C-alpha atoms as a PDB file:
ATOM      1  CA  MET A   1    -168.519-112.755 -32.723  1.00  0.00           C
ATOM      2  CA  SER A   2    -166.238-114.644 -35.078  1.00  0.00           C
ATOM      3  CA  ARG A   3    -166.405-111.883 -37.617  1.00  0.00           C
ATOM      4  CA  VAL A   4    -165.231-109.363 -35.048  1.00  0.00           C
ATOM      5  CA  SER A   5    -162.298-111.621 -34.097  1.00  0.00           C
ATOM      6  CA  ILE A   6    -161.295-111.943 -37.726  1.00  0.00           C
ATOM      7  CA  ARG A   7    -161.396-108.203 -38.204  1.00  0.00           C
ATOM      8  CA  HIS A   8    -159.225-107.673 -35.132  1.00  0.00           C
ATOM      9  CA  ALA A   9    -156.803-110.305 -36.322  1.00  0.00           C
ATOM     10  CA  LEU A  10    -156.553-108.663 -39.731  1.00  0.00           C
ATOM     11  CA  GLY A  11    -156.048-105.316 -38.052  1.00  0.00           C
ATOM     12  CA  ARG A  12    -153.168-106.662 -35.954  1.00  0.00           C
ATOM     13  CA  GLY A  13    -151.644-108.265 -39.053  1.00  0.00           C
ATOM     14  CA  ALA A  14    -151.906-105.049 -40.999  1.00  0.00           C
ATOM     15  CA  VAL A  15    -150.214-103.187 -38.150  1.00  0.00           C
ATOM     16  CA  ALA A  16    -147.488-105.812 -38.002  1.00  0.00           C
ATOM     17  CA  LEU A  17    -146.941-105.591 -41.742  1.00  0.00           C
ATOM     18  CA  ALA A  18    -146.825-101.800 -41.505  1.00  0.00           C
ATOM     19  CA  LEU A  19    -144.237-102.004 -38.736  1.00  0.00           C
ATOM     20  CA  VAL A  20    -142.085-104.392 -40.755  1.00  0.00           C
ATOM     21  CA  ALA A  21    -142.370-102.155 -43.796  1.00  0.00           C
ATOM     22  CA  GLY A  22    -141.493 -99.108 -41.685  1.00  0.00           C
ATOM     23  CA  ILE A  23    -138.460-100.777 -40.139  1.00  0.00           C
ATOM     24  CA  THR A  24    -137.309-101.941 -43.565  1.00  0.00           C
ATOM     25  CA  GLY A  25    -137.698 -98.396 -44.868  1.00  0.00           C
ATOM     26  CA  ILE A  26    -135.690 -96.975 -41.977  1.00  0.00           C
ATOM     27  CA  ILE A  27    -132.919 -99.496 -42.532  1.00  0.00           C
ATOM     28  CA  SER A  28    -132.928 -98.697 -46.226  1.00  0.00           C
ATOM     29  CA  GLN A  29    -132.762 -94.953 -45.523  1.00  0.00           C
ATOM     30  CA  ALA A  30    -129.958 -95.467 -43.020  1.00  0.00           C
ATOM     31  CA  ALA A  31    -127.956 -97.405 -45.579  1.00  0.00           C
ATOM     32  CA  THR A  32    -128.545 -94.698 -48.148  1.00  0.00           C
ATOM     33  CA  ALA A  33    -127.611 -91.951 -45.676  1.00  0.00           C
ATOM     34  CA  ALA A  34    -124.383 -93.697 -44.659  1.00  0.00           C
ATOM     35  CA  GLY A  35    -122.572 -91.947 -47.501  1.00  0.00           C
ATOM     36  CA  PRO A  36    -118.960 -92.434 -48.583  1.00  0.00           C
ATOM     37  CA  PRO A  37    -116.708 -94.444 -46.268  1.00  0.00           C
ATOM     38  CA  ILE A  38    -114.425 -92.958 -43.637  1.00  0.00           C
ATOM     39  CA  TYR A  39    -110.774 -93.954 -43.478  1.00  0.00           C
ATOM     40  CA  HIS A  40    -108.340 -93.323 -40.623  1.00  0.00           C
ATOM     41  CA  VAL A  41    -104.646 -92.429 -40.506  1.00  0.00           C
ATOM     42  CA  SER A  42    -102.501 -92.274 -37.388  1.00  0.00           C
ATOM     43  CA  THR A  43     -98.772 -92.268 -36.711  1.00  0.00           C
ATOM     44  CA  THR A  44     -99.405 -95.367 -34.591  1.00  0.00           C
ATOM     45  CA  GLY A  45    -101.291 -97.146 -37.379  1.00  0.00           C
ATOM     46  CA  THR A  46    -100.196 -99.843 -39.809  1.00  0.00           C
ATOM     47  CA  ASP A  47    -100.360 -99.800 -43.596  1.00  0.00           C
ATOM     48  CA  THR A  48    -102.449-102.938 -43.852  1.00  0.00           C
ATOM     49  CA  GLY A  49    -106.111-103.556 -44.542  1.00  0.00           C
ATOM     50  CA  ASN A  50    -108.333-100.810 -45.862  1.00  0.00           C
ATOM     51  CA  CYS A  51    -108.011 -98.235 -43.014  1.00  0.00           C
ATOM     52  CA  ALA A  52    -111.805 -98.066 -42.720  1.00  0.00           C
ATOM     53  CA  GLY A  53    -114.113 -98.433 -39.768  1.00  0.00           C
ATOM     54  CA  ASN A  54    -112.657 -96.797 -36.661  1.00  0.00           C
ATOM     55  CA  VAL A  55    -109.309 -95.478 -35.509  1.00  0.00           C
ATOM     56  CA  SER A  56    -108.253 -98.926 -34.306  1.00  0.00           C
ATOM     57  CA  HIS A  57    -107.988 -99.857 -38.003  1.00  0.00           C
ATOM     58  CA  ALA A  58    -105.931 -96.770 -38.891  1.00  0.00           C
ATOM     59  CA  CYS A  59    -103.163 -96.974 -41.424  1.00  0.00           C
ATOM     60  CA  ALA A  60     -99.835 -95.210 -40.908  1.00  0.00           C
ATOM     61  CA  THR A  61     -99.508 -93.012 -43.992  1.00  0.00           C
ATOM     62  CA  ILE A  62    -101.779 -90.718 -45.957  1.00  0.00           C
ATOM     63  CA  THR A  63    -100.321 -92.142 -49.155  1.00  0.00           C
ATOM     64  CA  TYR A  64    -101.532 -95.631 -48.294  1.00  0.00           C
ATOM     65  CA  ALA A  65    -104.967 -94.337 -47.330  1.00  0.00           C
ATOM     66  CA  LEU A  66    -105.271 -92.633 -50.721  1.00  0.00           C
ATOM     67  CA  THR A  67    -104.933 -96.033 -52.396  1.00  0.00           C
ATOM     68  CA  LYS A  68    -108.016 -97.174 -50.471  1.00  0.00           C
ATOM     69  CA  ALA A  69    -110.147 -94.036 -50.708  1.00  0.00           C
ATOM     70  CA  THR A  70    -111.064 -94.185 -54.367  1.00  0.00           C
ATOM     71  CA  ASN A  71    -113.752 -91.966 -55.857  1.00  0.00           C
ATOM     72  CA  GLY A  72    -115.069 -90.488 -52.653  1.00  0.00           C
ATOM     73  CA  GLY A  73    -114.697 -90.718 -48.926  1.00  0.00           C
ATOM     74  CA  THR A  74    -113.094 -88.909 -46.023  1.00  0.00           C
ATOM     75  CA  ILE A  75    -109.619 -89.645 -44.702  1.00  0.00           C
ATOM     76  CA  LYS A  76    -109.453 -88.596 -41.044  1.00  0.00           C
ATOM     77  CA  ILE A  77    -105.858 -87.861 -40.084  1.00  0.00           C
ATOM     78  CA  ALA A  78    -104.927 -87.838 -36.409  1.00  0.00           C
ATOM     79  CA  ALA A  79    -102.534 -85.325 -34.885  1.00  0.00           C
ATOM     80  CA  GLY A  80     -98.908 -86.053 -35.706  1.00  0.00           C
ATOM     81  CA  THR A  81     -96.241 -85.396 -38.342  1.00  0.00           C
ATOM     82  CA  TYR A  82     -96.416 -87.238 -41.659  1.00  0.00           C
ATOM     83  CA  THR A  83     -93.334 -87.238 -43.884  1.00  0.00           C
ATOM     84  CA  THR A  84     -94.372 -88.557 -47.313  1.00  0.00           C
ATOM     85  CA  PRO A  85     -95.338 -86.168 -50.161  1.00  0.00           C
ATOM     86  CA  LEU A  86     -98.719 -86.761 -51.771  1.00  0.00           C
ATOM     87  CA  SER A  87     -99.498 -87.469 -55.410  1.00  0.00           C
ATOM     88  CA  VAL A  88    -103.228 -87.378 -56.099  1.00  0.00           C
ATOM     89  CA  GLY A  89    -105.008 -88.507 -59.259  1.00  0.00           C
ATOM     90  CA  SER A  90    -108.514 -88.986 -60.608  1.00  0.00           C
ATOM     91  CA  SER A  91    -108.971 -92.174 -58.570  1.00  0.00           C
ATOM     92  CA  ASN A  92    -109.220 -89.809 -55.597  1.00  0.00           C
ATOM     93  CA  ASP A  93    -112.039 -87.682 -56.983  1.00  0.00           C
ATOM     94  CA  ASN A  94    -114.206 -86.193 -54.224  1.00  0.00           C
ATOM     95  CA  VAL A  95    -111.874 -87.303 -51.445  1.00  0.00           C
ATOM     96  CA  LEU A  96    -111.452 -85.106 -48.363  1.00  0.00           C
ATOM     97  CA  LEU A  97    -108.292 -85.096 -46.255  1.00  0.00           C
ATOM     98  CA  LEU A  98    -109.563 -84.066 -42.823  1.00  0.00           C
ATOM     99  CA  GLY A  99    -106.978 -83.267 -40.193  1.00  0.00           C
ATOM    100  CA  THR A 100    -107.250 -81.883 -36.700  1.00  0.00           C
ATOM    101  CA  ALA A 101    -105.248 -79.609 -34.427  1.00  0.00           C
ATOM    102  CA  GLY A 102    -101.659 -80.826 -34.706  1.00  0.00           C
ATOM    103  CA  THR A 103    -101.972 -82.609 -38.061  1.00  0.00           C
ATOM    104  CA  ILE A 104     -98.791 -81.718 -39.964  1.00  0.00           C
ATOM    105  CA  LEU A 105     -97.666 -82.873 -43.394  1.00  0.00           C
ATOM    106  CA  GLN A 106     -93.900 -82.273 -43.456  1.00  0.00           C
ATOM    107  CA  PRO A 107     -92.416 -84.351 -46.289  1.00  0.00           C
ATOM    108  CA  THR A 108     -88.718 -85.038 -46.672  1.00  0.00           C
ATOM    109  CA  SER A 109     -88.988 -84.838 -50.483  1.00  0.00           C
ATOM    110  CA  PHE A 110     -91.192 -83.484 -53.266  1.00  0.00           C
ATOM    111  CA  VAL A 111     -93.442 -84.981 -55.919  1.00  0.00           C
ATOM    112  CA  ALA A 112     -92.124 -83.950 -59.342  1.00  0.00           C
ATOM    113  CA  GLY A 113     -94.528 -82.652 -61.973  1.00  0.00           C
ATOM    114  CA  ALA A 114     -94.262 -80.270 -64.923  1.00  0.00           C
ATOM    115  CA  ASP A 115     -95.241 -76.624 -65.342  1.00  0.00           C
ATOM    116  CA  PRO A 116     -97.761 -76.387 -68.216  1.00  0.00           C
ATOM    117  CA  LEU A 117     -97.151 -72.638 -68.531  1.00  0.00           C
ATOM    118  CA  SER A 118     -93.391 -72.698 -68.994  1.00  0.00           C
ATOM    119  CA  ASN A 119     -91.569 -72.884 -72.300  1.00  0.00           C
ATOM    120  CA  PRO A 120     -89.735 -75.160 -72.127  1.00  0.00           C
ATOM    121  CA  PRO A 121     -91.611 -76.859 -69.277  1.00  0.00           C
ATOM    122  CA  VAL A 122     -89.771 -76.813 -65.965  1.00  0.00           C
ATOM    123  CA  THR A 123     -89.882 -79.358 -63.183  1.00  0.00           C
ATOM    124  CA  GLN A 124     -92.242 -78.492 -60.387  1.00  0.00           C
ATOM    125  CA  ASP A 125     -91.576 -79.935 -56.968  1.00  0.00           C
ATOM    126  CA  ALA A 126     -94.755 -80.087 -54.894  1.00  0.00           C
ATOM    127  CA  LEU A 127     -95.428 -81.368 -51.410  1.00  0.00           C
ATOM    128  CA  VAL A 128     -99.005 -82.119 -52.532  1.00  0.00           C
ATOM    129  CA  TYR A 129     -99.568 -82.578 -56.279  1.00  0.00           C
ATOM    130  CA  VAL A 130    -103.123 -82.882 -57.629  1.00  0.00           C
ATOM    131  CA  ALA A 131    -102.871 -84.163 -61.198  1.00  0.00           C
ATOM    132  CA  PRO A 132    -104.875 -83.013 -64.252  1.00  0.00           C
ATOM    133  CA  GLY A 133    -108.414 -84.340 -64.423  1.00  0.00           C
ATOM    134  CA  THR A 134    -108.829 -84.787 -60.680  1.00  0.00           C
ATOM    135  CA  THR A 135    -112.090 -83.305 -59.400  1.00  0.00           C
ATOM    136  CA  GLY A 136    -113.263 -82.355 -55.934  1.00  0.00           C
ATOM    137  CA  PHE A 137    -110.089 -83.206 -54.004  1.00  0.00           C
ATOM    138  CA  SER A 138    -110.140 -81.236 -50.747  1.00  0.00           C
ATOM    139  CA  ILE A 139    -107.933 -80.614 -47.728  1.00  0.00           C
ATOM    140  CA  LYS A 140    -109.192 -79.317 -44.389  1.00  0.00           C
ATOM    141  CA  LYS A 141    -107.533 -78.549 -41.040  1.00  0.00           C
ATOM    142  CA  MET A 142    -103.932 -79.330 -41.850  1.00  0.00           C
ATOM    143  CA  THR A 143    -100.497 -77.673 -41.819  1.00  0.00           C
ATOM    144  CA  ILE A 144     -98.310 -78.349 -44.861  1.00  0.00           C
ATOM    145  CA  ASP A 145     -94.666 -77.526 -44.194  1.00  0.00           C
ATOM    146  CA  GLY A 146     -91.694 -77.615 -46.585  1.00  0.00           C
ATOM    147  CA  THR A 147     -88.900 -77.253 -44.016  1.00  0.00           C
ATOM    148  CA  ASN A 148     -87.393 -80.716 -44.561  1.00  0.00           C
ATOM    149  CA  ALA A 149     -88.002 -81.165 -48.296  1.00  0.00           C
ATOM    150  CA  PHE A 150     -85.257 -79.078 -49.883  1.00  0.00           C
ATOM    151  CA  GLY A 151     -82.444 -81.572 -49.569  1.00  0.00           C
ATOM    152  CA  ALA A 152     -83.708 -83.199 -52.778  1.00  0.00           C
ATOM    153  CA  ALA A 153     -84.369 -79.956 -54.661  1.00  0.00           C
ATOM    154  CA  THR A 154     -82.351 -78.397 -57.497  1.00  0.00           C
ATOM    155  CA  PRO A 155     -81.760 -74.704 -56.700  1.00  0.00           C
ATOM    156  CA  CYS A 156     -83.233 -72.182 -59.153  1.00  0.00           C
ATOM    157  CA  SER A 157     -84.010 -74.773 -61.832  1.00  0.00           C
ATOM    158  CA  ASP A 158     -87.250 -76.117 -60.331  1.00  0.00           C
ATOM    159  CA  ASP A 159     -90.399 -74.500 -58.993  1.00  0.00           C
ATOM    160  CA  TYR A 160     -90.948 -75.297 -55.328  1.00  0.00           C
ATOM    161  CA  LEU A 161     -94.580 -75.586 -54.294  1.00  0.00           C
ATOM    162  CA  GLY A 162     -96.564 -76.498 -51.217  1.00  0.00           C
ATOM    163  CA  VAL A 163     -99.829 -77.489 -52.918  1.00  0.00           C
ATOM    164  CA  GLU A 164    -100.352 -77.628 -56.681  1.00  0.00           C
ATOM    165  CA  TYR A 165    -103.709 -78.118 -58.386  1.00  0.00           C
ATOM    166  CA  ASN A 166    -102.668 -78.741 -62.004  1.00  0.00           C
ATOM    167  CA  GLY A 167    -105.776 -78.788 -64.208  1.00  0.00           C
ATOM    168  CA  SER A 168    -107.808 -80.064 -61.259  1.00  0.00           C
ATOM    169  CA  THR A 169    -110.487 -78.895 -58.845  1.00  0.00           C
ATOM    170  CA  GLY A 170    -111.122 -78.878 -55.112  1.00  0.00           C
ATOM    171  CA  THR A 171    -111.027 -76.857 -51.907  1.00  0.00           C
ATOM    172  CA  LEU A 172    -108.553 -75.799 -49.239  1.00  0.00           C
ATOM    173  CA  ASN A 173    -110.187 -74.986 -45.915  1.00  0.00           C
ATOM    174  CA  HIS A 174    -108.389 -74.028 -42.687  1.00  0.00           C
ATOM    175  CA  VAL A 175    -105.061 -75.012 -44.271  1.00  0.00           C
ATOM    176  CA  THR A 176    -101.670 -73.498 -43.413  1.00  0.00           C
ATOM    177  CA  VAL A 177     -98.908 -73.748 -46.028  1.00  0.00           C
ATOM    178  CA  GLN A 178     -95.488 -72.588 -44.891  1.00  0.00           C
ATOM    179  CA  ASN A 179     -91.721 -72.808 -45.284  1.00  0.00           C
ATOM    180  CA  VAL A 180     -91.776 -73.515 -49.022  1.00  0.00           C
ATOM    181  CA  GLN A 181     -88.559 -71.587 -49.362  1.00  0.00           C
ATOM    182  CA  ASP A 182     -85.094 -72.898 -50.158  1.00  0.00           C
ATOM    183  CA  LEU A 183     -82.850 -70.785 -47.972  1.00  0.00           C
ATOM    184  CA  THR A 184     -79.732 -72.014 -49.808  1.00  0.00           C
ATOM    185  CA  ALA A 185     -81.035 -70.579 -53.109  1.00  0.00           C
ATOM    186  CA  PHE A 186     -83.544 -67.982 -51.950  1.00  0.00           C
ATOM    187  CA  GLY A 187     -84.029 -65.223 -54.507  1.00  0.00           C
ATOM    188  CA  CYS A 188     -84.841 -67.099 -57.715  1.00  0.00           C
ATOM    189  CA  GLN A 189     -87.001 -64.461 -59.377  1.00  0.00           C
ATOM    190  CA  PRO A 190     -88.831 -66.418 -62.102  1.00  0.00           C
ATOM    191  CA  GLY A 191     -91.402 -69.158 -61.729  1.00  0.00           C
ATOM    192  CA  ALA A 192     -94.284 -69.774 -59.369  1.00  0.00           C
ATOM    193  CA  ASN A 193     -92.168 -70.822 -56.389  1.00  0.00           C
ATOM    194  CA  GLY A 194     -94.486 -70.606 -53.424  1.00  0.00           C
ATOM    195  CA  ASP A 195     -97.107 -72.057 -51.149  1.00  0.00           C
ATOM    196  CA  VAL A 196    -100.126 -72.687 -53.420  1.00  0.00           C
ATOM    197  CA  LEU A 197    -100.327 -72.929 -57.233  1.00  0.00           C
ATOM    198  CA  VAL A 198    -103.498 -73.435 -59.267  1.00  0.00           C
ATOM    199  CA  ASP A 199    -102.796 -73.715 -63.000  1.00  0.00           C
ATOM    200  CA  SER A 200    -104.298 -74.835 -66.304  1.00  0.00           C
ATOM    201  CA  CYS A 201    -103.521 -74.958 -70.021  1.00  0.00           C
ATOM    202  CA  SER A 202    -106.873 -73.843 -71.351  1.00  0.00           C
ATOM    203  CA  GLY A 203    -106.566 -70.994 -73.833  1.00  0.00           C
ATOM    204  CA  ILE A 204    -102.758 -71.060 -73.875  1.00  0.00           C
ATOM    205  CA  PRO A 205    -101.185 -71.969 -77.263  1.00  0.00           C
ATOM    206  CA  ALA A 206     -98.964 -75.006 -77.001  1.00  0.00           C
ATOM    207  CA  SER A 207     -96.210 -73.316 -78.989  1.00  0.00           C
ATOM    208  CA  GLN A 208     -96.228 -70.326 -76.683  1.00  0.00           C
ATOM    209  CA  ASP A 209     -96.268 -71.675 -73.190  1.00  0.00           C
ATOM    210  CA  GLY A 210     -95.324 -75.317 -73.258  1.00  0.00           C
ATOM    211  CA  CYS A 211     -98.879 -76.643 -72.930  1.00  0.00           C
ATOM    212  CA  SER A 212     -99.735 -79.978 -74.466  1.00  0.00           C
ATOM    213  CA  GLY A 213    -102.539 -78.390 -76.479  1.00  0.00           C
ATOM    214  CA  THR A 214    -105.198 -80.119 -74.374  1.00  0.00           C
ATOM    215  CA  ALA A 215    -107.415 -77.647 -72.562  1.00  0.00           C
ATOM    216  CA  THR A 216    -107.642 -78.173 -68.832  1.00  0.00           C
ATOM    217  CA  VAL A 217    -109.738 -76.553 -66.134  1.00  0.00           C
ATOM    218  CA  ALA A 218    -108.558 -75.696 -62.631  1.00  0.00           C
ATOM    219  CA  ASP A 219    -111.016 -74.408 -60.049  1.00  0.00           C
ATOM    220  CA  VAL A 220    -110.081 -74.120 -56.378  1.00  0.00           C
ATOM    221  CA  THR A 221    -111.909 -72.479 -53.488  1.00  0.00           C
ATOM    222  CA  MET A 222    -109.642 -71.373 -50.642  1.00  0.00           C
ATOM    223  CA  THR A 223    -111.153 -70.450 -47.278  1.00  0.00           C
ATOM    224  CA  LYS A 224    -109.110 -69.490 -44.220  1.00  0.00           C
ATOM    225  CA  VAL A 225    -105.849 -70.424 -45.908  1.00  0.00           C
ATOM    226  CA  THR A 226    -102.682 -69.130 -44.235  1.00  0.00           C
ATOM    227  CA  ALA A 227     -99.657 -68.759 -46.536  1.00  0.00           C
ATOM    228  CA  GLY A 228     -96.275 -67.629 -45.246  1.00  0.00           C
ATOM    229  CA  THR A 229     -92.504 -68.078 -45.556  1.00  0.00           C
ATOM    230  CA  TYR A 230     -92.720 -68.569 -49.312  1.00  0.00           C
ATOM    231  CA  ASP A 231     -90.124 -67.951 -52.003  1.00  0.00           C
ATOM    232  CA  LYS A 232     -91.712 -65.933 -54.844  1.00  0.00           C
ATOM    233  CA  ASP A 233     -95.517 -66.103 -54.457  1.00  0.00           C
ATOM    234  CA  GLY A 234     -97.822 -66.932 -51.591  1.00  0.00           C
ATOM    235  CA  ILE A 235    -100.718 -68.010 -53.832  1.00  0.00           C
ATOM    236  CA  THR A 236    -100.564 -68.201 -57.640  1.00  0.00           C
ATOM    237  CA  CYS A 237    -103.527 -68.707 -59.980  1.00  0.00           C
ATOM    238  CA  GLN A 238    -102.633 -68.881 -63.668  1.00  0.00           C
ATOM    239  CA  GLY A 239    -103.940 -70.151 -67.002  1.00  0.00           C
ATOM    240  CA  GLY A 240    -107.014 -69.441 -69.093  1.00  0.00           C
ATOM    241  CA  GLY A 241    -108.999 -72.280 -67.538  1.00  0.00           C
ATOM    242  CA  THR A 242    -108.229 -71.296 -63.947  1.00  0.00           C
ATOM    243  CA  THR A 243    -110.698 -69.914 -61.425  1.00  0.00           C
ATOM    244  CA  CYS A 244    -109.746 -69.171 -57.823  1.00  0.00           C
ATOM    245  CA  SER A 245    -111.851 -67.951 -54.929  1.00  0.00           C
ATOM    246  CA  ILE A 246    -109.829 -66.757 -51.923  1.00  0.00           C
ATOM    247  CA  THR A 247    -111.805 -65.884 -48.786  1.00  0.00           C
ATOM    248  CA  LYS A 248    -110.831 -65.028 -45.196  1.00  0.00           C
ATOM    249  CA  SER A 249    -107.226 -65.969 -45.948  1.00  0.00           C
ATOM    250  CA  ASN A 250    -103.956 -64.530 -44.669  1.00  0.00           C
ATOM    251  CA  VAL A 251    -100.902 -64.205 -46.938  1.00  0.00           C
ATOM    252  CA  THR A 252     -97.780 -62.826 -45.259  1.00  0.00           C
ATOM    253  CA  GLY A 253     -94.456 -62.143 -46.994  1.00  0.00           C
ATOM    254  CA  SER A 254     -90.997 -61.971 -45.457  1.00  0.00           C
ATOM    255  CA  GLY A 255     -91.061 -58.192 -44.960  1.00  0.00           C
ATOM    256  CA  THR A 256     -88.453 -55.950 -46.581  1.00  0.00           C
ATOM    257  CA  ILE A 257     -85.771 -58.187 -48.095  1.00  0.00           C
ATOM    258  CA  THR A 258     -82.987 -57.801 -50.656  1.00  0.00           C
ATOM    259  CA  THR A 259     -83.134 -61.286 -52.186  1.00  0.00           C
ATOM    260  CA  ASN A 260     -86.526 -61.580 -53.839  1.00  0.00           C
ATOM    261  CA  ALA A 261     -89.462 -59.489 -55.041  1.00  0.00           C
ATOM    262  CA  GLN A 262     -92.302 -61.437 -53.507  1.00  0.00           C
ATOM    263  CA  ASN A 263     -95.974 -61.310 -54.459  1.00  0.00           C
ATOM    264  CA  GLY A 264     -98.646 -62.197 -51.957  1.00  0.00           C
ATOM    265  CA  ILE A 265    -101.159 -63.326 -54.597  1.00  0.00           C
ATOM    266  CA  GLU A 266    -100.412 -63.527 -58.325  1.00  0.00           C
ATOM    267  CA  ILE A 267    -103.103 -63.976 -60.985  1.00  0.00           C
ATOM    268  CA  GLY A 268    -101.808 -64.493 -64.504  1.00  0.00           C
ATOM    269  CA  PHE A 269    -102.185 -65.740 -68.066  1.00  0.00           C
ATOM    270  CA  GLY A 270    -105.955 -65.537 -68.361  1.00  0.00           C
ATOM    271  CA  ALA A 271    -106.949 -66.647 -64.872  1.00  0.00           C
ATOM    272  CA  THR A 272    -110.008 -65.388 -62.999  1.00  0.00           C
ATOM    273  CA  THR A 273    -109.728 -64.760 -59.256  1.00  0.00           C
ATOM    274  CA  THR A 274    -111.823 -63.201 -56.503  1.00  0.00           C
ATOM    275  CA  VAL A 275    -110.288 -62.135 -53.177  1.00  0.00           C
ATOM    276  CA  THR A 276    -112.651 -61.489 -50.262  1.00  0.00           C
ATOM    277  CA  LYS A 277    -112.142 -60.604 -46.584  1.00  0.00           C
ATOM    278  CA  SER A 278    -108.462 -61.529 -46.769  1.00  0.00           C
ATOM    279  CA  LYS A 279    -105.193 -59.997 -45.543  1.00  0.00           C
ATOM    280  CA  VAL A 280    -102.104 -59.648 -47.729  1.00  0.00           C
ATOM    281  CA  SER A 281     -99.033 -57.999 -46.211  1.00  0.00           C
ATOM    282  CA  GLY A 282     -95.265 -57.943 -45.833  1.00  0.00           C
ATOM    283  CA  ASN A 283     -94.134 -58.116 -49.472  1.00  0.00           C
ATOM    284  CA  SER A 284     -91.311 -55.616 -49.931  1.00  0.00           C
ATOM    285  CA  TYR A 285     -88.148 -55.659 -52.070  1.00  0.00           C
ATOM    286  CA  ASN A 286     -85.198 -53.349 -51.509  1.00  0.00           C
ATOM    287  CA  ALA A 287     -82.307 -54.314 -53.758  1.00  0.00           C
ATOM    288  CA  GLN A 288     -79.726 -51.973 -55.239  1.00  0.00           C
ATOM    289  CA  GLY A 289     -81.315 -50.022 -58.100  1.00  0.00           C
ATOM    290  CA  SER A 290     -84.836 -51.032 -57.142  1.00  0.00           C
ATOM    291  CA  THR A 291     -87.369 -48.411 -56.163  1.00  0.00           C
ATOM    292  CA  PRO A 292     -90.558 -49.635 -54.510  1.00  0.00           C
ATOM    293  CA  GLY A 293     -93.383 -49.396 -57.009  1.00  0.00           C
ATOM    294  CA  CYS A 294     -91.238 -49.406 -60.152  1.00  0.00           C
ATOM    295  CA  GLN A 295     -92.836 -52.573 -61.489  1.00  0.00           C
ATOM    296  CA  VAL A 296     -95.819 -50.450 -62.462  1.00  0.00           C
ATOM    297  CA  ASN A 297     -93.685 -49.250 -65.398  1.00  0.00           C
ATOM    298  CA  ASN A 298     -92.154 -52.670 -66.035  1.00  0.00           C
ATOM    299  CA  SER A 299     -88.734 -51.159 -65.404  1.00  0.00           C
ATOM    300  CA  CYS A 300     -87.524 -53.286 -62.495  1.00  0.00           C
ATOM    301  CA  TYR A 301     -88.550 -55.805 -59.894  1.00  0.00           C
ATOM    302  CA  SER A 302     -90.827 -54.739 -57.082  1.00  0.00           C
ATOM    303  CA  ALA A 303     -92.877 -56.655 -54.549  1.00  0.00           C
ATOM    304  CA  SER A 304     -96.658 -56.518 -54.573  1.00  0.00           C
ATOM    305  CA  GLY A 305     -99.597 -57.535 -52.448  1.00  0.00           C
ATOM    306  CA  ILE A 306    -101.716 -58.667 -55.405  1.00  0.00           C
ATOM    307  CA  LEU A 307    -100.263 -58.883 -58.922  1.00  0.00           C
ATOM    308  CA  GLY A 308    -102.407 -59.307 -62.016  1.00  0.00           C
ATOM    309  CA  TYR A 309    -100.263 -60.275 -65.006  1.00  0.00           C
ATOM    310  CA  ALA A 310    -102.229 -60.823 -68.237  1.00  0.00           C
ATOM    311  CA  ALA A 311    -105.121 -61.904 -66.044  1.00  0.00           C
ATOM    312  CA  LYS A 312    -108.674 -62.225 -67.360  1.00  0.00           C
ATOM    313  CA  SER A 313    -110.436 -60.980 -64.246  1.00  0.00           C
ATOM    314  CA  VAL A 314    -109.293 -59.938 -60.776  1.00  0.00           C
ATOM    315  CA  THR A 315    -111.893 -58.897 -58.210  1.00  0.00           C
ATOM    316  CA  ILE A 316    -110.694 -57.528 -54.883  1.00  0.00           C
ATOM    317  CA  ASN A 317    -113.546 -56.825 -52.525  1.00  0.00           C
ATOM    318  CA  ASN A 318    -113.133 -53.736 -50.363  1.00  0.00           C
ATOM    319  CA  ASN A 319    -113.104 -55.744 -47.169  1.00  0.00           C
ATOM    320  CA  THR A 320    -109.664 -57.125 -48.096  1.00  0.00           C
ATOM    321  CA  SER A 321    -106.706 -55.641 -46.184  1.00  0.00           C
ATOM    322  CA  LEU A 322    -103.521 -54.817 -48.129  1.00  0.00           C
ATOM    323  CA  THR A 323    -100.684 -53.426 -46.007  1.00  0.00           C
ATOM    324  CA  SER A 324     -96.875 -53.167 -45.901  1.00  0.00           C
ATOM    325  CA  ASN A 325     -96.416 -54.110 -49.571  1.00  0.00           C
ATOM    326  CA  ASP A 326     -94.305 -52.041 -51.992  1.00  0.00           C
ATOM    327  CA  VAL A 327     -97.390 -51.797 -54.166  1.00  0.00           C
ATOM    328  CA  ASN A 328    -100.675 -53.147 -52.874  1.00  0.00           C
ATOM    329  CA  VAL A 329    -102.174 -53.900 -56.303  1.00  0.00           C
ATOM    330  CA  VAL A 330    -100.331 -54.113 -59.643  1.00  0.00           C
ATOM    331  CA  ASP A 331    -102.092 -54.756 -62.955  1.00  0.00           C
ATOM    332  CA  VAL A 332     -99.863 -55.563 -65.949  1.00  0.00           C
ATOM    333  CA  LEU A 333    -101.209 -56.519 -69.387  1.00  0.00           C
ATOM    334  CA  SER A 334    -104.502 -57.738 -67.935  1.00  0.00           C
ATOM    335  CA  THR A 335    -107.651 -57.737 -70.052  1.00  0.00           C
END
């Protein structure tokens, strides 16, 4: 009888130990599955603490949250208008800015950078600047608007940009970039003035294009990006180390205008870009002496839906819509 009792007791102990081990394993798995932290931003928040936990701990600015979200994490941004431009570096690798309906970034000034493909380098004024070496920085569900930023700009001497990935990588998903257009100086033909710029120095001689000589890589995936009311280009991808993927996006120019020969998407200087299931329209230039389509012969300015200029590779899938552009596709000096 005693032996049976001992066996039962050992059995209950073994079950108890198994339960403890199982619970410990579950807790351990839960901790592992927790992933990167989540930070909160709200117009009613305060720039104190670390912005983590729940919305009751929200900070007030995206800039402050970026100082807390280092090397991973999601910054959830509540509906509202935020007025500070963003400068992002490698400390924000793998960070996601996640907005919602009504999340608007509308800065009153720009972040100044430099154009690695200009000789001499020109100042670039970006609402969101992602610096060289930054990897995996992403933006989702947000409107980025340049309406109030041009008071601090220098007409026709700077490039005006909504989002710039300069030798950096990441994604734009369900992002609208608009009103990156200085109406007091509209019509500056050169430069990459526009909504989105992805650029790199790789493969570009320093003496030729103002690069530092250090090769950089830029790789950005754009899905459901809406670009409109831009100055020169809606989306620009340029540089030998640049790869862009543009899918289900909508790029809309200003229609027929006399001030600027717009390009919906420009791929240049060795960049590789694929455009899929997207719409590019409304890029038309009608100035005195300009005939739509004349840029094909390099004889004058003309607007285009998609422009390849010394590009390495441009792939336009046949489910992309190109309408109401002077020339839907222009290929100049591409390899």
